[in-house]
Amino acid sequence: MSPIDMLRRLSLLMLLSVLAGGVAAATLQSVAPVQLPHRGGGVDGPYFPRTRATATMPTTGNDLAQQAQQRLDARLGANTVLSNGAAITKTQAQANGLGYIAKHFDQIDTTHSGRVTMSDVRQYLQQRQRQ
């Protein structure tokens, strides 16, 4: 038998074994039926949460200014240094972690008294917003 005939027979045998193995593997594999969770809640996880956050429109204009003012009041008004209309110096602002006020202290202090109040800060922010 020539080497070419041997290769033909061998390739035919290899082809038959691949086909037979594929058929055997296909008959062994089966998929379990899908069962949904109770009450049809669906899949839960980081990619398919049961409850989705509702989309909100971005705030603009006066609503945005009001939200910024509320955040400012909550953050700075809660600080005991500025609460109840108290005035602070630049050094006190730096010592109490009010870096923005300390950085812009000279612009906020329009009367040049060396002290600013919460209302001075509000006026400064409103003035900057108009610009």
Protein backbone atom coordinates (compact mmCIF):
# COMPACT_ATOMS: atom_id res chain seq x y z
CA MET A 1 0.00 0.00 0.00
CA SER A 2 1.35 3.38 -0.97
CA PRO A 3 1.72 6.22 1.50
CA ILE A 4 -0.94 8.21 -0.34
CA ASP A 5 -3.50 5.40 0.07
CA MET A 6 -2.67 5.19 3.78
CA LEU A 7 -3.24 8.92 4.20
CA ARG A 8 -6.60 8.70 2.42
CA ARG A 9 -7.77 5.87 4.67
CA LEU A 10 -6.43 7.56 7.77
CA SER A 11 -8.10 10.87 6.93
CA LEU A 12 -11.37 9.03 6.28
CA LEU A 13 -11.09 7.33 9.68
CA MET A 14 -10.33 10.65 11.38
CA LEU A 15 -13.34 12.27 9.74
CA LEU A 16 -15.63 9.44 10.85
CA SER A 17 -14.32 9.58 14.43
CA VAL A 18 -14.84 13.35 14.61
CA LEU A 19 -18.39 13.03 13.34
CA ALA A 20 -19.15 10.18 15.72
CA GLY A 21 -17.71 12.12 18.66
CA GLY A 22 -19.75 15.20 17.77
CA VAL A 23 -22.95 13.20 17.57
CA ALA A 24 -22.24 11.50 20.87
CA ALA A 25 -21.48 14.82 22.55
CA ALA A 26 -24.61 16.39 21.13
CA THR A 27 -26.81 13.64 22.49
CA LEU A 28 -25.26 13.84 25.96
CA GLN A 29 -25.77 17.56 26.40
CA SER A 30 -29.16 18.70 27.57
CA VAL A 31 -30.38 21.94 29.03
CA ALA A 32 -32.49 22.12 32.15
CA PRO A 33 -35.82 23.92 31.80
CA VAL A 34 -35.89 27.53 32.95
CA GLN A 35 -37.86 28.27 36.09
CA LEU A 36 -38.53 31.92 36.91
CA PRO A 37 -38.39 33.08 40.51
CA HIS A 38 -41.64 33.28 42.45
CA ARG A 39 -43.94 36.17 41.57
CA GLY A 40 -42.09 36.74 38.28
CA GLY A 41 -39.49 39.01 39.87
CA GLY A 42 -36.86 38.21 37.28
CA VAL A 43 -33.13 38.04 37.80
CA ASP A 44 -31.63 40.08 40.61
CA GLY A 45 -28.06 41.26 40.71
CA PRO A 46 -25.85 44.22 39.84
CA TYR A 47 -26.64 43.99 36.13
CA PHE A 48 -30.35 43.20 36.42
CA PRO A 49 -31.66 44.83 39.60
CA ARG A 50 -35.28 44.20 40.54
CA THR A 51 -35.88 47.84 41.31
CA ARG A 52 -34.49 50.41 38.95
CA ALA A 53 -33.77 54.01 39.78
CA THR A 54 -36.09 56.46 38.10
CA ALA A 55 -34.55 58.84 35.62
CA THR A 56 -34.51 62.47 36.67
CA MET A 57 -34.09 65.51 34.51
CA PRO A 58 -31.03 67.65 35.23
CA THR A 59 -31.76 70.78 37.21
CA THR A 60 -31.16 74.14 35.57
CA GLY A 61 -31.76 77.82 36.16
CA ASN A 62 -33.42 78.98 39.37
CA ASP A 63 -33.98 75.43 40.61
CA LEU A 64 -30.26 74.73 40.35
CA ALA A 65 -29.45 77.95 42.20
CA GLN A 66 -31.91 77.03 44.98
CA GLN A 67 -30.41 73.56 45.31
CA ALA A 68 -26.91 75.03 45.52
CA GLN A 69 -28.06 77.52 48.16
CA GLN A 70 -29.70 74.72 50.19
CA ARG A 71 -26.50 72.68 50.04
CA LEU A 72 -24.48 75.69 51.08
CA ASP A 73 -26.81 76.43 53.99
CA ALA A 74 -26.72 72.80 55.08
CA ARG A 75 -22.94 72.63 54.90
CA LEU A 76 -21.98 76.04 56.26
CA GLY A 77 -25.03 76.68 58.42
CA ALA A 78 -24.41 73.48 60.33
CA ASN A 79 -20.95 74.76 61.18
CA THR A 80 -21.13 76.34 64.63
CA VAL A 81 -18.81 79.15 63.56
CA LEU A 82 -21.31 80.58 61.05
CA SER A 83 -24.56 79.51 62.66
CA ASN A 84 -26.95 82.05 64.20
CA GLY A 85 -25.52 84.97 62.22
CA ALA A 86 -22.08 84.85 63.82
CA ALA A 87 -19.20 86.53 62.03
CA ILE A 88 -15.81 84.91 61.49
CA THR A 89 -12.36 86.12 60.58
CA LYS A 90 -10.13 84.77 57.84
CA THR A 91 -8.04 82.88 60.39
CA GLN A 92 -11.14 81.27 61.90
CA ALA A 93 -12.32 80.24 58.42
CA GLN A 94 -8.98 78.57 57.74
CA ALA A 95 -8.93 76.87 61.16
CA ASN A 96 -12.49 75.53 60.74
CA GLY A 97 -11.98 74.00 57.29
CA LEU A 98 -13.83 76.68 55.34
CA GLY A 99 -11.23 76.90 52.61
CA TYR A 100 -13.48 78.52 50.01
CA ILE A 101 -14.38 81.35 52.37
CA ALA A 102 -10.76 81.77 53.44
CA LYS A 103 -9.58 81.84 49.82
CA HIS A 104 -12.16 84.45 48.75
CA PHE A 105 -12.31 86.28 52.07
CA ASP A 106 -11.21 89.66 50.72
CA GLN A 107 -13.88 89.59 47.99
CA ILE A 108 -16.59 88.44 50.44
CA ASP A 109 -15.71 91.10 53.03
CA THR A 110 -17.01 94.12 51.09
CA THR A 111 -17.06 96.38 54.18
CA HIS A 112 -13.41 95.50 54.96
CA SER A 113 -14.28 94.88 58.60
CA GLY A 114 -12.15 91.74 58.84
CA ARG A 115 -15.24 89.59 59.55
CA VAL A 116 -17.83 87.89 57.33
CA THR A 117 -21.25 86.40 58.09
CA MET A 118 -23.34 83.80 56.33
CA SER A 119 -25.32 86.55 54.63
CA ASP A 120 -22.05 88.05 53.28
CA VAL A 121 -21.15 84.65 51.82
CA ARG A 122 -24.62 84.35 50.23
CA GLN A 123 -24.35 87.82 48.69
CA TYR A 124 -20.92 87.00 47.28
CA LEU A 125 -22.17 83.74 45.73
CA GLN A 126 -25.20 85.44 44.22
CA GLN A 127 -22.98 88.16 42.80
CA ARG A 128 -20.67 85.53 41.24
CA GLN A 129 -23.67 83.71 39.82
CA ARG A 130 -24.82 86.84 37.97
CA GLN A 131 -21.42 87.31 36.34
